Amino acid sequence: SLSISATAAGGATTAAYSPSNSRINPMLGIG
């Protein structure tokens, strides 16, 4: 899962960005 919460402002204009995504993918590990 990836969750994002971000904003950017220039002058009187503010933009918000808050998408999220979940997915199934391969993983691997060694130890």
Full PDB file with SEQRES, HELIX, SHEET, SSBOND, CRYST1, ORIGX, SCALE, CONECT and MASTER records, all heavy atoms in Angstrom:
SEQRES   1 A   31  SER LEU SER ILE SER ALA THR ALA ALA GLY GLY ALA THR          
SEQRES   2 A   31  THR ALA ALA TYR SER PRO SER ASN SER ARG ILE ASN PRO          
SEQRES   3 A   31  MET LEU GLY ILE GLY                                          
SHEET    1 AA1 2 LEU A   2  SER A   3  0                                        
SHEET    2 AA1 2 SER A  20  ASN A  21 -1                                        
SHEET    1 AA2 2 ALA A   6  GLY A  10  0                                        
SHEET    2 AA2 2 THR A  13  TYR A  17 -1                                        
CRYST1    1.000    1.000    1.000  90.00  90.00  90.00 P 1           1          
ORIGX1      1.000000  0.000000  0.000000        0.00000                         
ORIGX2      0.000000  1.000000  0.000000        0.00000                         
ORIGX3      0.000000  0.000000  1.000000        0.00000                         
SCALE1      1.000000  0.000000  0.000000        0.00000                         
SCALE2      0.000000  1.000000  0.000000        0.00000                         
SCALE3      0.000000  0.000000  1.000000        0.00000                         
ATOM      1  N   SER A   1       0.844  -1.195   0.000  1.00  0.00           N  
ATOM      2  CA  SER A   1       0.000   0.000   0.000  1.00  0.00           C  
ATOM      3  C   SER A   1       0.880   1.245   0.000  1.00  0.00           C  
ATOM      4  O   SER A   1       1.901   1.284   0.690  1.00  0.00           O  
ATOM      5  CB  SER A   1      -0.919   0.033   1.225  1.00  0.00           C  
ATOM      6  OG  SER A   1      -1.810  -1.063   1.222  1.00  0.00           O  
ATOM      7  N   LEU A   2       0.467   2.233  -0.771  1.00  0.00           N  
ATOM      8  CA  LEU A   2       1.123   3.538  -0.785  1.00  0.00           C  
ATOM      9  C   LEU A   2       0.066   4.599  -0.567  1.00  0.00           C  
ATOM     10  O   LEU A   2      -0.913   4.673  -1.324  1.00  0.00           O  
ATOM     11  CB  LEU A   2       1.833   3.766  -2.125  1.00  0.00           C  
ATOM     12  CG  LEU A   2       2.529   5.125  -2.290  1.00  0.00           C  
ATOM     13  CD1 LEU A   2       3.686   5.264  -1.302  1.00  0.00           C  
ATOM     14  CD2 LEU A   2       3.033   5.311  -3.725  1.00  0.00           C  
ATOM     15  N   SER A   3       0.243   5.417   0.470  1.00  0.00           N  
ATOM     16  CA  SER A   3      -0.685   6.504   0.786  1.00  0.00           C  
ATOM     17  C   SER A   3       0.082   7.817   0.780  1.00  0.00           C  
ATOM     18  O   SER A   3       1.161   7.910   1.362  1.00  0.00           O  
ATOM     19  CB  SER A   3      -1.327   6.285   2.161  1.00  0.00           C  
ATOM     20  OG  SER A   3      -2.072   5.087   2.186  1.00  0.00           O  
ATOM     21  N   ILE A   4      -0.508   8.831   0.144  1.00  0.00           N  
ATOM     22  CA  ILE A   4       0.175  10.117  -0.026  1.00  0.00           C  
ATOM     23  C   ILE A   4      -0.697  11.240   0.516  1.00  0.00           C  
ATOM     24  O   ILE A   4      -1.912  11.253   0.304  1.00  0.00           O  
ATOM     25  CB  ILE A   4       0.483  10.368  -1.518  1.00  0.00           C  
ATOM     26  CG1 ILE A   4       1.305   9.216  -2.093  1.00  0.00           C  
ATOM     27  CG2 ILE A   4       1.218  11.696  -1.706  1.00  0.00           C  
ATOM     28  CD1 ILE A   4       1.370   9.201  -3.603  1.00  0.00           C  
ATOM     29  N   SER A   5      -0.072  12.169   1.214  1.00  0.00           N  
ATOM     30  CA  SER A   5      -0.751  13.376   1.672  1.00  0.00           C  
ATOM     31  C   SER A   5       0.197  14.543   1.445  1.00  0.00           C  
ATOM     32  O   SER A   5       1.214  14.670   2.127  1.00  0.00           O  
ATOM     33  CB  SER A   5      -1.116  13.257   3.152  1.00  0.00           C  
ATOM     34  OG  SER A   5      -1.713  14.448   3.625  1.00  0.00           O  
ATOM     35  N   ALA A   6      -0.128  15.397   0.460  1.00  0.00           N  
ATOM     36  CA  ALA A   6       0.792  16.474   0.085  1.00  0.00           C  
ATOM     37  C   ALA A   6       0.015  17.694  -0.406  1.00  0.00           C  
ATOM     38  O   ALA A   6      -1.103  17.571  -0.927  1.00  0.00           O  
ATOM     39  CB  ALA A   6       1.746  15.994  -1.005  1.00  0.00           C  
ATOM     40  N   THR A   7       0.608  18.859  -0.256  1.00  0.00           N  
ATOM     41  CA  THR A   7       0.033  20.106  -0.770  1.00  0.00           C  
ATOM     42  C   THR A   7       1.159  20.985  -1.311  1.00  0.00           C  
ATOM     43  O   THR A   7       2.315  20.862  -0.903  1.00  0.00           O  
ATOM     44  CB  THR A   7      -0.719  20.894   0.323  1.00  0.00           C  
ATOM     45  OG1 THR A   7       0.184  21.192   1.394  1.00  0.00           O  
ATOM     46  CG2 THR A   7      -1.904  20.104   0.853  1.00  0.00           C  
ATOM     47  N   ALA A   8       0.789  21.868  -2.232  1.00  0.00           N  
ATOM     48  CA  ALA A   8       1.718  22.862  -2.756  1.00  0.00           C  
ATOM     49  C   ALA A   8       0.941  24.148  -3.006  1.00  0.00           C  
ATOM     50  O   ALA A   8      -0.207  24.113  -3.473  1.00  0.00           O  
ATOM     51  CB  ALA A   8       2.364  22.378  -4.047  1.00  0.00           C  
ATOM     52  N   ALA A   9       1.557  25.290  -2.697  1.00  0.00           N  
ATOM     53  CA  ALA A   9       0.867  26.572  -2.820  1.00  0.00           C  
ATOM     54  C   ALA A   9       1.742  27.592  -3.517  1.00  0.00           C  
ATOM     55  O   ALA A   9       2.955  27.678  -3.271  1.00  0.00           O  
ATOM     56  CB  ALA A   9       0.457  27.093  -1.447  1.00  0.00           C  
ATOM     57  N   GLY A  10       1.101  28.378  -4.402  1.00  0.00           N  
ATOM     58  CA  GLY A  10       1.768  29.500  -5.047  1.00  0.00           C  
ATOM     59  C   GLY A  10       0.824  30.684  -5.036  1.00  0.00           C  
ATOM     60  O   GLY A  10      -0.244  30.647  -5.656  1.00  0.00           O  
ATOM     61  N   GLY A  11       1.155  31.725  -4.291  1.00  0.00           N  
ATOM     62  CA  GLY A  11       0.249  32.851  -4.142  1.00  0.00           C  
ATOM     63  C   GLY A  11      -1.011  32.429  -3.418  1.00  0.00           C  
ATOM     64  O   GLY A  11      -0.960  31.772  -2.381  1.00  0.00           O  
ATOM     65  N   ALA A  12      -2.167  32.753  -4.002  1.00  0.00           N  
ATOM     66  CA  ALA A  12      -3.444  32.408  -3.376  1.00  0.00           C  
ATOM     67  C   ALA A  12      -3.948  31.037  -3.798  1.00  0.00           C  
ATOM     68  O   ALA A  12      -5.013  30.608  -3.364  1.00  0.00           O  
ATOM     69  CB  ALA A  12      -4.487  33.464  -3.735  1.00  0.00           C  
ATOM     70  N   THR A  13      -3.203  30.328  -4.643  1.00  0.00           N  
ATOM     71  CA  THR A  13      -3.636  29.036  -5.162  1.00  0.00           C  
ATOM     72  C   THR A  13      -2.946  27.902  -4.417  1.00  0.00           C  
ATOM     73  O   THR A  13      -1.718  27.855  -4.328  1.00  0.00           O  
ATOM     74  CB  THR A  13      -3.320  28.906  -6.664  1.00  0.00           C  
ATOM     75  OG1 THR A  13      -3.919  29.997  -7.362  1.00  0.00           O  
ATOM     76  CG2 THR A  13      -3.853  27.601  -7.214  1.00  0.00           C  
ATOM     77  N   THR A  14      -3.752  26.984  -3.879  1.00  0.00           N  
ATOM     78  CA  THR A  14      -3.226  25.814  -3.173  1.00  0.00           C  
ATOM     79  C   THR A  14      -3.727  24.547  -3.859  1.00  0.00           C  
ATOM     80  O   THR A  14      -4.920  24.429  -4.167  1.00  0.00           O  
ATOM     81  CB  THR A  14      -3.665  25.799  -1.702  1.00  0.00           C  
ATOM     82  OG1 THR A  14      -3.146  26.968  -1.050  1.00  0.00           O  
ATOM     83  CG2 THR A  14      -3.145  24.555  -0.990  1.00  0.00           C  
ATOM     84  N   ALA A  15      -2.827  23.630  -4.113  1.00  0.00           N  
ATOM     85  CA  ALA A  15      -3.180  22.352  -4.726  1.00  0.00           C  
ATOM     86  C   ALA A  15      -2.945  21.230  -3.716  1.00  0.00           C  
ATOM     87  O   ALA A  15      -1.953  21.238  -2.980  1.00  0.00           O  
ATOM     88  CB  ALA A  15      -2.348  22.116  -5.978  1.00  0.00           C  
ATOM     89  N   ALA A  16      -3.871  20.280  -3.675  1.00  0.00           N  
ATOM     90  CA  ALA A  16      -3.766  19.146  -2.761  1.00  0.00           C  
ATOM     91  C   ALA A  16      -3.624  17.850  -3.555  1.00  0.00           C  
ATOM     92  O   ALA A  16      -4.195  17.703  -4.637  1.00  0.00           O  
ATOM     93  CB  ALA A  16      -4.993  19.073  -1.860  1.00  0.00           C  
ATOM     94  N   TYR A  17      -2.877  16.928  -2.975  1.00  0.00           N  
ATOM     95  CA  TYR A  17      -2.609  15.656  -3.644  1.00  0.00           C  
ATOM     96  C   TYR A  17      -2.633  14.558  -2.592  1.00  0.00           C  
ATOM     97  O   TYR A  17      -1.792  14.521  -1.698  1.00  0.00           O  
ATOM     98  CB  TYR A  17      -1.241  15.727  -4.325  1.00  0.00           C  
ATOM     99  CG  TYR A  17      -0.800  14.476  -5.044  1.00  0.00           C  
ATOM    100  CD1 TYR A  17      -1.509  13.965  -6.116  1.00  0.00           C  
ATOM    101  CD2 TYR A  17       0.378  13.818  -4.654  1.00  0.00           C  
ATOM    102  CE1 TYR A  17      -1.073  12.827  -6.780  1.00  0.00           C  
ATOM    103  CE2 TYR A  17       0.813  12.682  -5.314  1.00  0.00           C  
ATOM    104  CZ  TYR A  17       0.081  12.194  -6.381  1.00  0.00           C  
ATOM    105  OH  TYR A  17       0.515  11.068  -7.053  1.00  0.00           O  
ATOM    106  N   SER A  18      -3.636  13.661  -2.654  1.00  0.00           N  
ATOM    107  CA  SER A  18      -3.756  12.632  -1.613  1.00  0.00           C  
ATOM    108  C   SER A  18      -4.290  11.314  -2.169  1.00  0.00           C  
ATOM    109  O   SER A  18      -5.280  10.768  -1.664  1.00  0.00           O  
ATOM    110  CB  SER A  18      -4.672  13.117  -0.483  1.00  0.00           C  
ATOM    111  OG  SER A  18      -5.948  13.489  -1.007  1.00  0.00           O  
ATOM    112  N   PRO A  19      -3.646  10.747  -3.180  1.00  0.00           N  
ATOM    113  CA  PRO A  19      -4.093   9.451  -3.696  1.00  0.00           C  
ATOM    114  C   PRO A  19      -3.535   8.302  -2.845  1.00  0.00           C  
ATOM    115  O   PRO A  19      -2.638   8.492  -2.005  1.00  0.00           O  
ATOM    116  CB  PRO A  19      -3.481   9.421  -5.093  1.00  0.00           C  
ATOM    117  CG  PRO A  19      -2.196  10.148  -4.916  1.00  0.00           C  
ATOM    118  CD  PRO A  19      -2.496  11.260  -3.928  1.00  0.00           C  
ATOM    119  N   SER A  20      -4.052   7.116  -3.085  1.00  0.00           N  
ATOM    120  CA  SER A  20      -3.512   5.909  -2.464  1.00  0.00           C  
ATOM    121  C   SER A  20      -3.676   4.754  -3.441  1.00  0.00           C  
ATOM    122  O   SER A  20      -4.502   4.810  -4.354  1.00  0.00           O  
ATOM    123  CB  SER A  20      -4.226   5.600  -1.144  1.00  0.00           C  
ATOM    124  OG  SER A  20      -5.601   5.376  -1.363  1.00  0.00           O  
ATOM    125  N   ASN A  21      -2.882   3.722  -3.227  1.00  0.00           N  
ATOM    126  CA  ASN A  21      -2.956   2.554  -4.095  1.00  0.00           C  
ATOM    127  C   ASN A  21      -2.532   1.314  -3.329  1.00  0.00           C  
ATOM    128  O   ASN A  21      -1.596   1.352  -2.531  1.00  0.00           O  
ATOM    129  CB  ASN A  21      -2.060   2.737  -5.323  1.00  0.00           C  
ATOM    130  CG  ASN A  21      -2.013   1.485  -6.197  1.00  0.00           C  
ATOM    131  OD1 ASN A  21      -1.045   0.724  -6.148  1.00  0.00           O  
ATOM    132  ND2 ASN A  21      -3.056   1.269  -6.971  1.00  0.00           N  
ATOM    133  N   SER A  22      -3.226   0.219  -3.565  1.00  0.00           N  
ATOM    134  CA  SER A  22      -2.854  -1.078  -2.995  1.00  0.00           C  
ATOM    135  C   SER A  22      -2.825  -2.098  -4.114  1.00  0.00           C  
ATOM    136  O   SER A  22      -3.659  -2.055  -5.029  1.00  0.00           O  
ATOM    137  CB  SER A  22      -3.861  -1.516  -1.926  1.00  0.00           C  
ATOM    138  OG  SER A  22      -3.883  -0.602  -0.843  1.00  0.00           O  
ATOM    139  N   ARG A  23      -1.869  -3.005  -4.052  1.00  0.00           N  
ATOM    140  CA  ARG A  23      -1.720  -3.990  -5.115  1.00  0.00           C  
ATOM    141  C   ARG A  23      -0.952  -5.200  -4.585  1.00  0.00           C  
ATOM    142  O   ARG A  23      -0.303  -5.129  -3.543  1.00  0.00           O  
ATOM    143  CB  ARG A  23      -0.990  -3.391  -6.312  1.00  0.00           C  
ATOM    144  CG  ARG A  23       0.373  -2.850  -5.992  1.00  0.00           C  
ATOM    145  CD  ARG A  23       0.945  -1.960  -7.089  1.00  0.00           C  
ATOM    146  NE  ARG A  23       1.149  -2.662  -8.336  1.00  0.00           N  
ATOM    147  CZ  ARG A  23       0.548  -2.343  -9.484  1.00  0.00           C  
ATOM    148  NH1 ARG A  23      -0.285  -1.334  -9.535  1.00  0.00           N  
ATOM    149  NH2 ARG A  23       0.798  -3.009 -10.579  1.00  0.00           N  
ATOM    150  N   ILE A  24      -1.030  -6.303  -5.322  1.00  0.00           N  
ATOM    151  CA  ILE A  24      -0.300  -7.518  -4.970  1.00  0.00           C  
ATOM    152  C   ILE A  24       0.846  -7.695  -5.950  1.00  0.00           C  
ATOM    153  O   ILE A  24       0.639  -7.664  -7.167  1.00  0.00           O  
ATOM    154  CB  ILE A  24      -1.228  -8.750  -4.993  1.00  0.00           C  
ATOM    155  CG1 ILE A  24      -2.309  -8.610  -3.921  1.00  0.00           C  
ATOM    156  CG2 ILE A  24      -0.417 -10.026  -4.754  1.00  0.00           C  
ATOM    157  CD1 ILE A  24      -3.338  -9.722  -3.946  1.00  0.00           C  
ATOM    158  N   ASN A  25       2.048  -7.867  -5.401  1.00  0.00           N  
ATOM    159  CA  ASN A  25       3.245  -8.011  -6.222  1.00  0.00           C  
ATOM    160  C   ASN A  25       4.176  -9.051  -5.614  1.00  0.00           C  
ATOM    161  O   ASN A  25       4.095  -9.360  -4.418  1.00  0.00           O  
ATOM    162  CB  ASN A  25       4.002  -6.676  -6.305  1.00  0.00           C  
ATOM    163  CG  ASN A  25       3.371  -5.713  -7.288  1.00  0.00           C  
ATOM    164  OD1 ASN A  25       3.166  -6.042  -8.449  1.00  0.00           O  
ATOM    165  ND2 ASN A  25       3.044  -4.524  -6.809  1.00  0.00           N  
ATOM    166  N   PRO A  26       5.107  -9.586  -6.400  1.00  0.00           N  
ATOM    167  CA  PRO A  26       6.098 -10.508  -5.842  1.00  0.00           C  
ATOM    168  C   PRO A  26       7.028  -9.803  -4.855  1.00  0.00           C  
ATOM    169  O   PRO A  26       7.270  -8.606  -4.960  1.00  0.00           O  
ATOM    170  CB  PRO A  26       6.882 -10.978  -7.073  1.00  0.00           C  
ATOM    171  CG  PRO A  26       6.020 -10.666  -8.242  1.00  0.00           C  
ATOM    172  CD  PRO A  26       5.239  -9.447  -7.859  1.00  0.00           C  
ATOM    173  N   MET A  27       7.532 -10.559  -3.907  1.00  0.00           N  
ATOM    174  CA  MET A  27       8.567 -10.076  -2.993  1.00  0.00           C  
ATOM    175  C   MET A  27       9.577 -11.200  -2.783  1.00  0.00           C  
ATOM    176  O   MET A  27       9.269 -12.380  -2.958  1.00  0.00           O  
ATOM    177  CB  MET A  27       7.982  -9.612  -1.663  1.00  0.00           C  
ATOM    178  CG  MET A  27       7.318 -10.682  -0.809  1.00  0.00           C  
ATOM    179  SD  MET A  27       8.455 -11.705   0.182  1.00  0.00           S  
ATOM    180  CE  MET A  27       9.179 -10.481   1.242  1.00  0.00           C  
ATOM    181  N   LEU A  28      10.787 -10.822  -2.393  1.00  0.00           N  
ATOM    182  CA  LEU A  28      11.808 -11.821  -2.099  1.00  0.00           C  
ATOM    183  C   LEU A  28      12.704 -11.303  -0.991  1.00  0.00           C  
ATOM    184  O   LEU A  28      12.745 -10.100  -0.708  1.00  0.00           O  
ATOM    185  CB  LEU A  28      12.617 -12.175  -3.349  1.00  0.00           C  
ATOM    186  CG  LEU A  28      13.363 -11.056  -4.075  1.00  0.00           C  
ATOM    187  CD1 LEU A  28      14.745 -10.821  -3.475  1.00  0.00           C  
ATOM    188  CD2 LEU A  28      13.506 -11.385  -5.555  1.00  0.00           C  
ATOM    189  N   GLY A  29      13.407 -12.218  -0.359  1.00  0.00           N  
ATOM    190  CA  GLY A  29      14.301 -11.830   0.714  1.00  0.00           C  
ATOM    191  C   GLY A  29      15.394 -12.860   0.939  1.00  0.00           C  
ATOM    192  O   GLY A  29      15.237 -14.038   0.588  1.00  0.00           O  
ATOM    193  N   ILE A  30      16.494 -12.413   1.516  1.00  0.00           N  
ATOM    194  CA  ILE A  30      17.582 -13.289   1.930  1.00  0.00           C  
ATOM    195  C   ILE A  30      18.085 -12.797   3.277  1.00  0.00           C  
ATOM    196  O   ILE A  30      17.936 -11.618   3.616  1.00  0.00           O  
ATOM    197  CB  ILE A  30      18.748 -13.321   0.917  1.00  0.00           C  
ATOM    198  CG1 ILE A  30      19.283 -11.901   0.658  1.00  0.00           C  
ATOM    199  CG2 ILE A  30      18.332 -13.989  -0.382  1.00  0.00           C  
ATOM    200  CD1 ILE A  30      20.529 -11.865  -0.182  1.00  0.00           C  
ATOM    201  N   GLY A  31      18.677 -13.708   4.049  1.00  0.00           N  
ATOM    202  CA  GLY A  31      19.182 -13.285   5.344  1.00  0.00           C  
ATOM    203  C   GLY A  31      20.004 -14.352   6.018  1.00  0.00           C  
ATOM    204  O   GLY A  31      20.240 -15.441   5.476  1.00  0.00           O  
TER     205      GLY A  31                                                      
MASTER        0    0    0    0    4    0    0    6  204    1    0    3          
END                                                                             
